PDB file of N, CA and C in Angstrom:
ATOM      1  N   MET A   1      -3.912  28.491  47.668  1.00  0.00           N
ATOM      2  CA  MET A   1      -2.964  27.411  47.744  1.00  0.00           C
ATOM      3  C   MET A   1      -3.618  26.045  47.706  1.00  0.00           C
ATOM      4  N   VAL A   2      -4.792  25.929  48.291  1.00  0.00           N
ATOM      5  CA  VAL A   2      -5.463  24.634  48.344  1.00  0.00           C
ATOM      6  C   VAL A   2      -5.839  24.173  46.946  1.00  0.00           C
ATOM      7  N   THR A   3      -6.293  25.094  46.074  1.00  0.00           N
ATOM      8  CA  THR A   3      -6.681  24.691  44.728  1.00  0.00           C
ATOM      9  C   THR A   3      -5.471  24.232  43.920  1.00  0.00           C
ATOM     10  N   GLU A   4      -4.322  24.909  44.112  1.00  0.00           N
ATOM     11  CA  GLU A   4      -3.124  24.476  43.390  1.00  0.00           C
ATOM     12  C   GLU A   4      -2.712  23.078  43.828  1.00  0.00           C
ATOM     13  N   HIS A   5      -2.769  22.844  45.134  1.00  0.00           N
ATOM     14  CA  HIS A   5      -2.405  21.517  45.643  1.00  0.00           C
ATOM     15  C   HIS A   5      -3.397  20.464  45.150  1.00  0.00           C
ATOM     16  N   GLY A   6      -4.676  20.830  45.115  1.00  0.00           N
ATOM     17  CA  GLY A   6      -5.683  19.906  44.601  1.00  0.00           C
ATOM     18  C   GLY A   6      -5.475  19.596  43.134  1.00  0.00           C
ATOM     19  N   GLN A   7      -5.100  20.614  42.354  1.00  0.00           N
ATOM     20  CA  GLN A   7      -4.831  20.393  40.933  1.00  0.00           C
ATOM     21  C   GLN A   7      -3.591  19.537  40.748  1.00  0.00           C
ATOM     22  N   GLU A   8      -2.614  19.737  41.629  1.00  0.00           N
ATOM     23  CA  GLU A   8      -1.404  18.931  41.561  1.00  0.00           C
ATOM     24  C   GLU A   8      -1.725  17.459  41.829  1.00  0.00           C
ATOM     25  N   LEU A   9      -2.558  17.198  42.807  1.00  0.00           N
ATOM     26  CA  LEU A   9      -2.963  15.818  43.105  1.00  0.00           C
ATOM     27  C   LEU A   9      -3.760  15.214  41.959  1.00  0.00           C
ATOM     28  N   ASP A  10      -4.616  16.023  41.326  1.00  0.00           N
ATOM     29  CA  ASP A  10      -5.374  15.526  40.182  1.00  0.00           C
ATOM     30  C   ASP A  10      -4.444  15.136  39.040  1.00  0.00           C
ATOM     31  N   MET A  11      -3.397  15.928  38.819  1.00  0.00           N
ATOM     32  CA  MET A  11      -2.457  15.628  37.744  1.00  0.00           C
ATOM     33  C   MET A  11      -1.680  14.351  38.050  1.00  0.00           C
ATOM     34  N   VAL A  12      -1.292  14.161  39.298  1.00  0.00           N
ATOM     35  CA  VAL A  12      -0.587  12.936  39.684  1.00  0.00           C
ATOM     36  C   VAL A  12      -1.502  11.727  39.487  1.00  0.00           C
ATOM     37  N   LYS A  13      -2.760  11.842  39.867  1.00  0.00           N
ATOM     38  CA  LYS A  13      -3.717  10.747  39.660  1.00  0.00           C
ATOM     39  C   LYS A  13      -3.882  10.449  38.172  1.00  0.00           C
ATOM     40  N   LEU A  14      -3.940  11.508  37.355  1.00  0.00           N
ATOM     41  CA  LEU A  14      -4.085  11.325  35.907  1.00  0.00           C
ATOM     42  C   LEU A  14      -2.870  10.614  35.326  1.00  0.00           C
ATOM     43  N   ILE A  15      -1.686  10.979  35.786  1.00  0.00           N
ATOM     44  CA  ILE A  15      -0.466  10.339  35.285  1.00  0.00           C
ATOM     45  C   ILE A  15      -0.432   8.866  35.684  1.00  0.00           C
ATOM     46  N   TRP A  16      -0.790   8.552  36.917  1.00  0.00           N
ATOM     47  CA  TRP A  16      -0.802   7.156  37.346  1.00  0.00           C
ATOM     48  C   TRP A  16      -1.873   6.364  36.611  1.00  0.00           C
ATOM     49  N   ARG A  17      -3.046   6.964  36.401  1.00  0.00           N
ATOM     50  CA  ARG A  17      -4.097   6.273  35.651  1.00  0.00           C
ATOM     51  C   ARG A  17      -3.634   5.990  34.223  1.00  0.00           C
ATOM     52  N   THR A  18      -2.973   6.967  33.620  1.00  0.00           N
ATOM     53  CA  THR A  18      -2.429   6.783  32.269  1.00  0.00           C
ATOM     54  C   THR A  18      -1.400   5.659  32.256  1.00  0.00           C
ATOM     55  N   PHE A  19      -0.534   5.641  33.248  1.00  0.00           N
ATOM     56  CA  PHE A  19       0.472   4.582  33.341  1.00  0.00           C
ATOM     57  C   PHE A  19      -0.178   3.199  33.388  1.00  0.00           C
ATOM     58  N   TRP A  20      -1.182   3.028  34.244  1.00  0.00           N
ATOM     59  CA  TRP A  20      -1.821   1.723  34.388  1.00  0.00           C
ATOM     60  C   TRP A  20      -2.568   1.310  33.123  1.00  0.00           C
ATOM     61  N   ILE A  21      -3.235   2.256  32.471  1.00  0.00           N
ATOM     62  CA  ILE A  21      -3.941   1.926  31.225  1.00  0.00           C
ATOM     63  C   ILE A  21      -2.955   1.499  30.153  1.00  0.00           C
ATOM     64  N   LEU A  22      -1.862   2.244  29.999  1.00  0.00           N
ATOM     65  CA  LEU A  22      -0.862   1.894  28.988  1.00  0.00           C
ATOM     66  C   LEU A  22      -0.177   0.570  29.326  1.00  0.00           C
ATOM     67  N   LEU A  23       0.035   0.306  30.602  1.00  0.00           N
ATOM     68  CA  LEU A  23       0.626  -0.967  31.007  1.00  0.00           C
ATOM     69  C   LEU A  23      -0.290  -2.131  30.662  1.00  0.00           C
ATOM     70  N   ILE A  24      -1.571  -1.990  30.922  1.00  0.00           N
ATOM     71  CA  ILE A  24      -2.519  -3.060  30.614  1.00  0.00           C
ATOM     72  C   ILE A  24      -2.592  -3.315  29.119  1.00  0.00           C
ATOM     73  N   VAL A  25      -2.641  -2.253  28.325  1.00  0.00           N
ATOM     74  CA  VAL A  25      -2.693  -2.424  26.864  1.00  0.00           C
ATOM     75  C   VAL A  25      -1.416  -3.091  26.366  1.00  0.00           C
ATOM     76  N   THR A  26      -0.272  -2.714  26.919  1.00  0.00           N
ATOM     77  CA  THR A  26       0.991  -3.325  26.516  1.00  0.00           C
ATOM     78  C   THR A  26       1.039  -4.802  26.907  1.00  0.00           C
ATOM     79  N   ILE A  27       0.542  -5.137  28.084  1.00  0.00           N
ATOM     80  CA  ILE A  27       0.510  -6.541  28.505  1.00  0.00           C
ATOM     81  C   ILE A  27      -0.410  -7.349  27.586  1.00  0.00           C
ATOM     82  N   VAL A  28      -1.530  -6.773  27.177  1.00  0.00           N
ATOM     83  CA  VAL A  28      -2.430  -7.466  26.243  1.00  0.00           C
ATOM     84  C   VAL A  28      -1.721  -7.690  24.912  1.00  0.00           C
ATOM     85  N   GLU A  29      -0.973  -6.690  24.437  1.00  0.00           N
ATOM     86  CA  GLU A  29      -0.223  -6.859  23.184  1.00  0.00           C
ATOM     87  C   GLU A  29       0.809  -7.974  23.298  1.00  0.00           C
ATOM     88  N   ILE A  30       1.545  -7.987  24.382  1.00  0.00           N
ATOM     89  CA  ILE A  30       2.581  -9.010  24.567  1.00  0.00           C
ATOM     90  C   ILE A  30       1.949 -10.394  24.716  1.00  0.00           C
ATOM     91  N   ALA A  31       0.860 -10.477  25.456  1.00  0.00           N
ATOM     92  CA  ALA A  31       0.175 -11.768  25.614  1.00  0.00           C
ATOM     93  C   ALA A  31      -0.335 -12.272  24.271  1.00  0.00           C
ATOM     94  N   ALA A  32      -0.853 -11.375  23.437  1.00  0.00           N
ATOM     95  CA  ALA A  32      -1.311 -11.773  22.106  1.00  0.00           C
ATOM     96  C   ALA A  32      -0.144 -12.245  21.254  1.00  0.00           C
ATOM     97  N   ALA A  33       0.984 -11.575  21.366  1.00  0.00           N
ATOM     98  CA  ALA A  33       2.155 -11.972  20.579  1.00  0.00           C
ATOM     99  C   ALA A  33       2.676 -13.339  21.002  1.00  0.00           C
ATOM    100  N   VAL A  34       2.610 -13.628  22.274  1.00  0.00           N
ATOM    101  CA  VAL A  34       3.142 -14.898  22.771  1.00  0.00           C
ATOM    102  C   VAL A  34       2.181 -16.055  22.523  1.00  0.00           C
ATOM    103  N   THR A  35       0.883 -15.825  22.745  1.00  0.00           N
ATOM    104  CA  THR A  35      -0.056 -16.947  22.710  1.00  0.00           C
ATOM    105  C   THR A  35      -0.777 -17.134  21.384  1.00  0.00           C
ATOM    106  N   LEU A  36      -1.016 -16.072  20.638  1.00  0.00           N
ATOM    107  CA  LEU A  36      -1.857 -16.192  19.442  1.00  0.00           C
ATOM    108  C   LEU A  36      -1.085 -16.296  18.135  1.00  0.00           C
ATOM    109  N   THR A  37       0.224 -16.262  18.186  1.00  0.00           N
ATOM    110  CA  THR A  37       1.021 -16.240  16.961  1.00  0.00           C
ATOM    111  C   THR A  37       0.778 -17.460  16.083  1.00  0.00           C
ATOM    112  N   GLU A  38       0.596 -18.623  16.685  1.00  0.00           N
ATOM    113  CA  GLU A  38       0.434 -19.847  15.900  1.00  0.00           C
ATOM    114  C   GLU A  38      -1.024 -20.136  15.544  1.00  0.00           C
ATOM    115  N   HIS A  39      -1.972 -19.450  16.166  1.00  0.00           N
ATOM    116  CA  HIS A  39      -3.381 -19.762  15.975  1.00  0.00           C
ATOM    117  C   HIS A  39      -4.111 -18.788  15.049  1.00  0.00           C
ATOM    118  N   ILE A  40      -3.628 -17.578  14.919  1.00  0.00           N
ATOM    119  CA  ILE A  40      -4.309 -16.542  14.132  1.00  0.00           C
ATOM    120  C   ILE A  40      -3.378 -16.100  13.006  1.00  0.00           C
ATOM    121  N   PRO A  41      -3.916 -15.852  11.804  1.00  0.00           N
ATOM    122  CA  PRO A  41      -3.068 -15.406  10.696  1.00  0.00           C
ATOM    123  C   PRO A  41      -2.306 -14.117  11.039  1.00  0.00           C
ATOM    124  N   GLN A  42      -1.113 -13.999  10.485  1.00  0.00           N
ATOM    125  CA  GLN A  42      -0.237 -12.874  10.805  1.00  0.00           C
ATOM    126  C   GLN A  42      -0.854 -11.537  10.422  1.00  0.00           C
ATOM    127  N   MET A  43      -1.604 -11.471   9.346  1.00  0.00           N
ATOM    128  CA  MET A  43      -2.209 -10.211   8.911  1.00  0.00           C
ATOM    129  C   MET A  43      -3.202  -9.694   9.956  1.00  0.00           C
ATOM    130  N   ILE A  44      -3.986 -10.583  10.532  1.00  0.00           N
ATOM    131  CA  ILE A  44      -4.941 -10.171  11.569  1.00  0.00           C
ATOM    132  C   ILE A  44      -4.192  -9.694  12.804  1.00  0.00           C
ATOM    133  N   LEU A  45      -3.116 -10.383  13.168  1.00  0.00           N
ATOM    134  CA  LEU A  45      -2.310  -9.944  14.302  1.00  0.00           C
ATOM    135  C   LEU A  45      -1.672  -8.587  14.034  1.00  0.00           C
ATOM    136  N   ASN A  46      -1.208  -8.350  12.819  1.00  0.00           N
ATOM    137  CA  ASN A  46      -0.627  -7.051  12.472  1.00  0.00           C
ATOM    138  C   ASN A  46      -1.651  -5.933  12.622  1.00  0.00           C
ATOM    139  N   VAL A  47      -2.868  -6.177  12.165  1.00  0.00           N
ATOM    140  CA  VAL A  47      -3.919  -5.173  12.312  1.00  0.00           C
ATOM    141  C   VAL A  47      -4.203  -4.929  13.793  1.00  0.00           C
ATOM    142  N   PHE A  48      -4.237  -5.988  14.579  1.00  0.00           N
ATOM    143  CA  PHE A  48      -4.447  -5.859  16.021  1.00  0.00           C
ATOM    144  C   PHE A  48      -3.344  -5.022  16.664  1.00  0.00           C
ATOM    145  N   TYR A  49      -2.082  -5.301  16.313  1.00  0.00           N
ATOM    146  CA  TYR A  49      -0.961  -4.549  16.879  1.00  0.00           C
ATOM    147  C   TYR A  49      -1.026  -3.075  16.476  1.00  0.00           C
ATOM    148  N   ILE A  50      -1.388  -2.820  15.235  1.00  0.00           N
ATOM    149  CA  ILE A  50      -1.480  -1.438  14.762  1.00  0.00           C
ATOM    150  C   ILE A  50      -2.587  -0.695  15.508  1.00  0.00           C
ATOM    151  N   LEU A  51      -3.732  -1.342  15.676  1.00  0.00           N
ATOM    152  CA  LEU A  51      -4.833  -0.688  16.391  1.00  0.00           C
ATOM    153  C   LEU A  51      -4.474  -0.424  17.853  1.00  0.00           C
ATOM    154  N   MET A  52      -3.854  -1.387  18.502  1.00  0.00           N
ATOM    155  CA  MET A  52      -3.466  -1.192  19.896  1.00  0.00           C
ATOM    156  C   MET A  52      -2.400  -0.108  20.040  1.00  0.00           C
ATOM    157  N   SER A  53      -1.433  -0.101  19.145  1.00  0.00           N
ATOM    158  CA  SER A  53      -0.402   0.940  19.196  1.00  0.00           C
ATOM    159  C   SER A  53      -1.002   2.307  18.894  1.00  0.00           C
ATOM    160  N   GLY A  54      -1.949   2.349  17.975  1.00  0.00           N
ATOM    161  CA  GLY A  54      -2.632   3.610  17.687  1.00  0.00           C
ATOM    162  C   GLY A  54      -3.438   4.103  18.873  1.00  0.00           C
ATOM    163  N   ALA A  55      -4.074   3.179  19.577  1.00  0.00           N
ATOM    164  CA  ALA A  55      -4.833   3.562  20.770  1.00  0.00           C
ATOM    165  C   ALA A  55      -3.902   4.101  21.847  1.00  0.00           C
ATOM    166  N   LYS A  56      -2.748   3.456  22.022  1.00  0.00           N
ATOM    167  CA  LYS A  56      -1.790   3.956  23.003  1.00  0.00           C
ATOM    168  C   LYS A  56      -1.260   5.327  22.602  1.00  0.00           C
ATOM    169  N   ALA A  57      -0.941   5.503  21.326  1.00  0.00           N
ATOM    170  CA  ALA A  57      -0.445   6.798  20.855  1.00  0.00           C
ATOM    171  C   ALA A  57      -1.499   7.878  21.040  1.00  0.00           C
ATOM    172  N   PHE A  58      -2.744   7.565  20.714  1.00  0.00           N
ATOM    173  CA  PHE A  58      -3.823   8.537  20.876  1.00  0.00           C
ATOM    174  C   PHE A  58      -3.997   8.915  22.344  1.00  0.00           C
ATOM    175  N   TYR A  59      -3.918   7.944  23.222  1.00  0.00           N
ATOM    176  CA  TYR A  59      -4.078   8.213  24.651  1.00  0.00           C
ATOM    177  C   TYR A  59      -2.919   9.060  25.178  1.00  0.00           C
ATOM    178  N   ILE A  60      -1.699   8.754  24.757  1.00  0.00           N
ATOM    179  CA  ILE A  60      -0.534   9.529  25.182  1.00  0.00           C
ATOM    180  C   ILE A  60      -0.651  10.971  24.693  1.00  0.00           C
ATOM    181  N   VAL A  61      -1.022  11.133  23.429  1.00  0.00           N
ATOM    182  CA  VAL A  61      -1.153  12.483  22.870  1.00  0.00           C
ATOM    183  C   VAL A  61      -2.276  13.246  23.560  1.00  0.00           C
ATOM    184  N   SER A  62      -3.374  12.593  23.852  1.00  0.00           N
ATOM    185  CA  SER A  62      -4.498  13.300  24.461  1.00  0.00           C
ATOM    186  C   SER A  62      -4.209  13.689  25.905  1.00  0.00           C
ATOM    187  N   VAL A  63      -3.456  12.877  26.638  1.00  0.00           N
ATOM    188  CA  VAL A  63      -3.199  13.189  28.054  1.00  0.00           C
ATOM    189  C   VAL A  63      -1.958  14.058  28.214  1.00  0.00           C
ATOM    190  N   PHE A  64      -0.825  13.621  27.673  1.00  0.00           N
ATOM    191  CA  PHE A  64       0.423  14.327  27.943  1.00  0.00           C
ATOM    192  C   PHE A  64       0.622  15.562  27.075  1.00  0.00           C
ATOM    193  N   MET A  65       0.030  15.596  25.905  1.00  0.00           N
ATOM    194  CA  MET A  65       0.106  16.801  25.079  1.00  0.00           C
ATOM    195  C   MET A  65      -1.138  17.655  25.254  1.00  0.00           C
ATOM    196  N   HIS A  66      -2.016  17.258  26.154  1.00  0.00           N
ATOM    197  CA  HIS A  66      -3.214  18.017  26.527  1.00  0.00           C
ATOM    198  C   HIS A  66      -4.164  18.268  25.360  1.00  0.00           C
ATOM    199  N   LEU A  67      -4.166  17.387  24.383  1.00  0.00           N
ATOM    200  CA  LEU A  67      -5.078  17.563  23.257  1.00  0.00           C
ATOM    201  C   LEU A  67      -6.513  17.228  23.637  1.00  0.00           C
ATOM    202  N   LYS A  68      -6.699  16.559  24.752  1.00  0.00           N
ATOM    203  CA  LYS A  68      -8.052  16.266  25.210  1.00  0.00           C
ATOM    204  C   LYS A  68      -8.782  17.560  25.569  1.00  0.00           C
ATOM    205  N   PHE A  69      -8.017  18.579  25.893  1.00  0.00           N
ATOM    206  CA  PHE A  69      -8.607  19.840  26.329  1.00  0.00           C
ATOM    207  C   PHE A  69      -8.543  20.922  25.254  1.00  0.00           C
ATOM    208  N   GLU A  70      -8.051  20.600  24.064  1.00  0.00           N
ATOM    209  CA  GLU A  70      -7.899  21.597  23.008  1.00  0.00           C
ATOM    210  C   GLU A  70      -9.183  21.748  22.194  1.00  0.00           C
ATOM    211  N   VAL A  71      -9.168  22.762  21.316  1.00  0.00           N
ATOM    212  CA  VAL A  71     -10.327  23.023  20.470  1.00  0.00           C
ATOM    213  C   VAL A  71     -10.445  21.967  19.385  1.00  0.00           C
ATOM    214  N   LYS A  72     -11.613  21.891  18.822  1.00  0.00           N
ATOM    215  CA  LYS A  72     -11.945  20.843  17.858  1.00  0.00           C
ATOM    216  C   LYS A  72     -11.041  20.891  16.622  1.00  0.00           C
ATOM    217  N   TYR A  73     -10.734  22.060  16.117  1.00  0.00           N
ATOM    218  CA  TYR A  73      -9.982  22.159  14.866  1.00  0.00           C
ATOM    219  C   TYR A  73      -8.527  21.717  15.023  1.00  0.00           C
ATOM    220  N   LEU A  74      -7.944  21.958  16.181  1.00  0.00           N
ATOM    221  CA  LEU A  74      -6.589  21.483  16.417  1.00  0.00           C
ATOM    222  C   LEU A  74      -6.559  19.959  16.478  1.00  0.00           C
ATOM    223  N   ILE A  75      -7.565  19.380  17.092  1.00  0.00           N
ATOM    224  CA  ILE A  75      -7.658  17.916  17.158  1.00  0.00           C
ATOM    225  C   ILE A  75      -7.816  17.340  15.751  1.00  0.00           C
ATOM    226  N   ILE A  76      -8.627  17.981  14.936  1.00  0.00           N
ATOM    227  CA  ILE A  76      -8.849  17.495  13.575  1.00  0.00           C
ATOM    228  C   ILE A  76      -7.572  17.565  12.751  1.00  0.00           C
ATOM    229  N   THR A  77      -6.787  18.632  12.920  1.00  0.00           N
ATOM    230  CA  THR A  77      -5.553  18.755  12.140  1.00  0.00           C
ATOM    231  C   THR A  77      -4.522  17.708  12.528  1.00  0.00           C
ATOM    232  N   ILE A  78      -4.626  17.150  13.712  1.00  0.00           N
ATOM    233  CA  ILE A  78      -3.697  16.095  14.119  1.00  0.00           C
ATOM    234  C   ILE A  78      -4.298  14.716  13.859  1.00  0.00           C
ATOM    235  N   LEU A  79      -5.595  14.569  14.076  1.00  0.00           N
ATOM    236  CA  LEU A  79      -6.235  13.265  13.951  1.00  0.00           C
ATOM    237  C   LEU A  79      -6.352  12.807  12.495  1.00  0.00           C
ATOM    238  N   LEU A  80      -6.693  13.704  11.585  1.00  0.00           N
ATOM    239  CA  LEU A  80      -6.845  13.296  10.182  1.00  0.00           C
ATOM    240  C   LEU A  80      -5.546  12.765   9.569  1.00  0.00           C
ATOM    241  N   PRO A  81      -4.402  13.450   9.730  1.00  0.00           N
ATOM    242  CA  PRO A  81      -3.167  12.845   9.208  1.00  0.00           C
ATOM    243  C   PRO A  81      -2.826  11.519   9.869  1.00  0.00           C
ATOM    244  N   MET A  82      -3.139  11.389  11.159  1.00  0.00           N
ATOM    245  CA  MET A  82      -2.865  10.126  11.849  1.00  0.00           C
ATOM    246  C   MET A  82      -3.713   9.000  11.269  1.00  0.00           C
ATOM    247  N   ILE A  83      -4.981   9.277  10.991  1.00  0.00           N
ATOM    248  CA  ILE A  83      -5.851   8.274  10.380  1.00  0.00           C
ATOM    249  C   ILE A  83      -5.327   7.889   8.997  1.00  0.00           C
ATOM    250  N   PHE A  84      -4.909   8.890   8.215  1.00  0.00           N
ATOM    251  CA  PHE A  84      -4.365   8.614   6.889  1.00  0.00           C
ATOM    252  C   PHE A  84      -3.111   7.746   6.986  1.00  0.00           C
ATOM    253  N   LEU A  85      -2.228   8.054   7.923  1.00  0.00           N
ATOM    254  CA  LEU A  85      -1.003   7.270   8.069  1.00  0.00           C
ATOM    255  C   LEU A  85      -1.295   5.843   8.509  1.00  0.00           C
ATOM    256  N   MET A  86      -2.271   5.667   9.367  1.00  0.00           N
ATOM    257  CA  MET A  86      -2.629   4.303   9.784  1.00  0.00           C
ATOM    258  C   MET A  86      -3.233   3.533   8.617  1.00  0.00           C
ATOM    259  N   PHE A  87      -4.056   4.204   7.798  1.00  0.00           N
ATOM    260  CA  PHE A  87      -4.604   3.557   6.604  1.00  0.00           C
ATOM    261  C   PHE A  87      -3.478   3.173   5.648  1.00  0.00           C
ATOM    262  N   ALA A  88      -2.526   4.092   5.434  1.00  0.00           N
ATOM    263  CA  ALA A  88      -1.406   3.815   4.536  1.00  0.00           C
ATOM    264  C   ALA A  88      -0.567   2.653   5.065  1.00  0.00           C
ATOM    265  N   LEU A  89      -0.361   2.599   6.368  1.00  0.00           N
ATOM    266  CA  LEU A  89       0.399   1.491   6.945  1.00  0.00           C
ATOM    267  C   LEU A  89      -0.315   0.160   6.718  1.00  0.00           C
ATOM    268  N   GLY A  90      -1.625   0.154   6.874  1.00  0.00           N
ATOM    269  CA  GLY A  90      -2.388  -1.066   6.607  1.00  0.00           C
ATOM    270  C   GLY A  90      -2.298  -1.492   5.152  1.00  0.00           C
ATOM    271  N   VAL A  91      -2.382  -0.522   4.243  1.00  0.00           N
ATOM    272  CA  VAL A  91      -2.275  -0.828   2.812  1.00  0.00           C
ATOM    273  C   VAL A  91      -0.879  -1.354   2.485  1.00  0.00           C
ATOM    274  N   PHE A  92       0.154  -0.746   3.062  1.00  0.00           N
ATOM    275  CA  PHE A  92       1.520  -1.212   2.803  1.00  0.00           C
ATOM    276  C   PHE A  92       1.736  -2.622   3.334  1.00  0.00           C
ATOM    277  N   LEU A  93       1.166  -2.931   4.485  1.00  0.00           N
ATOM    278  CA  LEU A  93       1.285  -4.293   5.012  1.00  0.00           C
ATOM    279  C   LEU A  93       0.574  -5.297   4.109  1.00  0.00           C
ATOM    280  N   ALA A  94      -0.598  -4.931   3.627  1.00  0.00           N
ATOM    281  CA  ALA A  94      -1.327  -5.827   2.726  1.00  0.00           C
ATOM    282  C   ALA A  94      -0.567  -6.002   1.417  1.00  0.00           C
ATOM    283  N   GLU A  95      -0.006  -4.923   0.889  1.00  0.00           N
ATOM    284  CA  GLU A  95       0.752  -5.004  -0.356  1.00  0.00           C
ATOM    285  C   GLU A  95       2.007  -5.853  -0.169  1.00  0.00           C
ATOM    286  N   GLY A  96       2.686  -5.677   0.942  1.00  0.00           N
ATOM    287  CA  GLY A  96       3.885  -6.469   1.204  1.00  0.00           C
ATOM    288  C   GLY A  96       3.557  -7.947   1.337  1.00  0.00           C
ATOM    289  N   SER A  97       2.430  -8.239   1.948  1.00  0.00           N
ATOM    290  CA  SER A  97       2.020  -9.626   2.092  1.00  0.00           C
ATOM    291  C   SER A  97       1.697 -10.241   0.732  1.00  0.00           C
ATOM    292  N   SER A  98       0.995  -9.497  -0.114  1.00  0.00           N
ATOM    293  CA  SER A  98       0.665 -10.036  -1.438  1.00  0.00           C
ATOM    294  C   SER A  98       1.924 -10.183  -2.290  1.00  0.00           C
ATOM    295  N   TRP A  99       2.860  -9.257  -2.153  1.00  0.00           N
ATOM    296  CA  TRP A  99       4.118  -9.345  -2.902  1.00  0.00           C
ATOM    297  C   TRP A  99       4.904 -10.572  -2.446  1.00  0.00           C
ATOM    298  N   HIS A 100       4.914 -10.842  -1.157  1.00  0.00           N
ATOM    299  CA  HIS A 100       5.605 -12.014  -0.631  1.00  0.00           C
ATOM    300  C   HIS A 100       4.989 -13.300  -1.183  1.00  0.00           C
ATOM    301  N   HIS A 101       3.675 -13.379  -1.218  1.00  0.00           N
ATOM    302  CA  HIS A 101       3.009 -14.577  -1.731  1.00  0.00           C
ATOM    303  C   HIS A 101       3.218 -14.718  -3.235  1.00  0.00           C
ATOM    304  N   LEU A 102       3.252 -13.614  -3.954  1.00  0.00           N
ATOM    305  CA  LEU A 102       3.461 -13.642  -5.398  1.00  0.00           C
ATOM    306  C   LEU A 102       4.894 -14.094  -5.711  1.00  0.00           C
ATOM    307  N   LYS A 103       5.845 -13.638  -4.932  1.00  0.00           N
ATOM    308  CA  LYS A 103       7.244 -14.002  -5.129  1.00  0.00           C
ATOM    309  C   LYS A 103       7.480 -15.484  -4.895  1.00  0.00           C
ATOM    310  N   ASN A 104       6.773 -16.052  -3.926  1.00  0.00           N
ATOM    311  CA  ASN A 104       6.950 -17.480  -3.620  1.00  0.00           C
ATOM    312  C   ASN A 104       6.069 -18.376  -4.490  1.00  0.00           C
ATOM    313  N   TRP A 105       5.278 -17.820  -5.346  1.00  0.00           N
ATOM    314  CA  TRP A 105       4.406 -18.609  -6.177  1.00  0.00           C
ATOM    315  C   TRP A 105       5.156 -19.216  -7.288  1.00  0.00           C
TER     316      TRP A 105
END
């Protein structure tokens, strides 16, 4: 019984630690959106938001879906498509930005 209770406490600590990490990352994102919007180009901010959101998604998947404890091949089958989708999102943002500038030219 003691080991089950100890494991239960470890899981509660892990959930609270995850909550605080995600809260801090979200506060950094919001602070960047409020303070840096006029000082940094929008494309750089978009890349920053994508990276931060990807980090939060990766952390959520690794902790709550227990992928941190899974075998290497399962992680690869999930991580590679995620990397491809993030690359595609970056390319689409760059293409949309160039299309916008071309249209206004």
